[in-house]
Amino acid sequence: MQLINEISQLSTAEKILLVERIWEDIETSEVSISFSSEQEKEIKRRQQLYKSGKTTLHTWEEAKQEWKKS
């Protein structure tokens, strides 16, 4: 597949930018996403952890900065 071959030629930084742009495109599209029962359970579990203060959220920028440190 030509697209896969082109992607494999990109640098890691370019691949990350490509993935970011793909996610942005998905985010702005009006596609309905359905989850399996296992995924729903995991989402609810994580929501409970957040609501109970047992976990925190991080912005994408914070995550990227943390990743760059390692």
Protein backbone atom coordinates (compact mmCIF):
# COMPACT_ATOMS: atom_id res chain seq x y z
CA MET A 1 0.00 0.00 0.00
CA GLN A 2 1.53 3.30 -1.13
CA LEU A 3 0.36 5.36 1.87
CA ILE A 4 1.92 2.92 4.36
CA ASN A 5 5.19 3.05 2.43
CA GLU A 6 5.15 6.85 2.51
CA ILE A 7 4.42 6.90 6.24
CA SER A 8 7.27 4.49 6.94
CA GLN A 9 9.65 6.99 5.33
CA LEU A 10 8.69 9.75 7.79
CA SER A 11 10.78 10.64 10.83
CA THR A 12 9.37 9.87 14.27
CA ALA A 13 8.57 13.55 14.80
CA GLU A 14 6.70 13.70 11.48
CA LYS A 15 4.75 10.56 12.36
CA ILE A 16 3.72 12.08 15.68
CA LEU A 17 2.54 15.24 13.94
CA LEU A 18 0.61 13.13 11.46
CA VAL A 19 -1.12 11.23 14.26
CA GLU A 20 -1.99 14.52 16.00
CA ARG A 21 -3.55 15.87 12.81
CA ILE A 22 -5.50 12.64 12.27
CA TRP A 23 -6.86 12.82 15.84
CA GLU A 24 -7.81 16.48 15.34
CA ASP A 25 -9.66 15.52 12.16
CA ILE A 26 -11.48 12.69 13.93
CA GLU A 27 -12.34 15.00 16.82
CA THR A 28 -14.01 17.54 14.52
CA SER A 29 -15.92 14.95 12.51
CA GLU A 30 -19.43 14.03 13.52
CA VAL A 31 -18.83 10.32 13.78
CA SER A 32 -20.63 8.36 16.45
CA ILE A 33 -18.36 6.01 18.36
CA SER A 34 -19.80 3.04 20.17
CA PHE A 35 -17.98 1.19 22.92
CA SER A 36 -18.04 -2.45 23.93
CA SER A 37 -19.39 -3.33 27.36
CA GLU A 38 -15.82 -3.83 28.58
CA GLN A 39 -14.84 -0.38 27.35
CA GLU A 40 -17.91 1.16 28.99
CA LYS A 41 -16.99 -0.50 32.30
CA GLU A 42 -13.43 0.83 32.06
CA ILE A 43 -14.66 4.35 31.27
CA LYS A 44 -16.98 4.26 34.28
CA ARG A 45 -14.18 2.89 36.49
CA ARG A 46 -11.87 5.71 35.47
CA GLN A 47 -14.61 8.31 35.98
CA GLN A 48 -15.11 6.99 39.52
CA LEU A 49 -11.39 7.22 40.22
CA TYR A 50 -11.41 10.81 39.03
CA LYS A 51 -14.53 11.77 40.97
CA SER A 52 -13.13 10.22 44.16
CA GLY A 53 -9.86 12.15 43.78
CA LYS A 54 -7.79 8.99 43.38
CA THR A 55 -6.43 10.09 40.01
CA THR A 56 -5.78 13.34 38.16
CA LEU A 57 -6.09 14.51 34.59
CA HIS A 58 -3.31 15.92 32.45
CA THR A 59 -3.50 18.06 29.35
CA TRP A 60 -2.04 16.83 26.11
CA GLU A 61 0.63 19.53 26.45
CA GLU A 62 1.60 18.21 29.90
CA ALA A 63 1.79 14.67 28.56
CA LYS A 64 3.99 15.74 25.65
CA GLN A 65 6.33 17.65 27.97
CA GLU A 66 6.61 14.64 30.26
CA TRP A 67 7.33 12.39 27.29
CA LYS A 68 10.05 14.76 26.03
CA LYS A 69 11.80 14.55 29.41
CA SER A 70 12.26 10.79 29.13
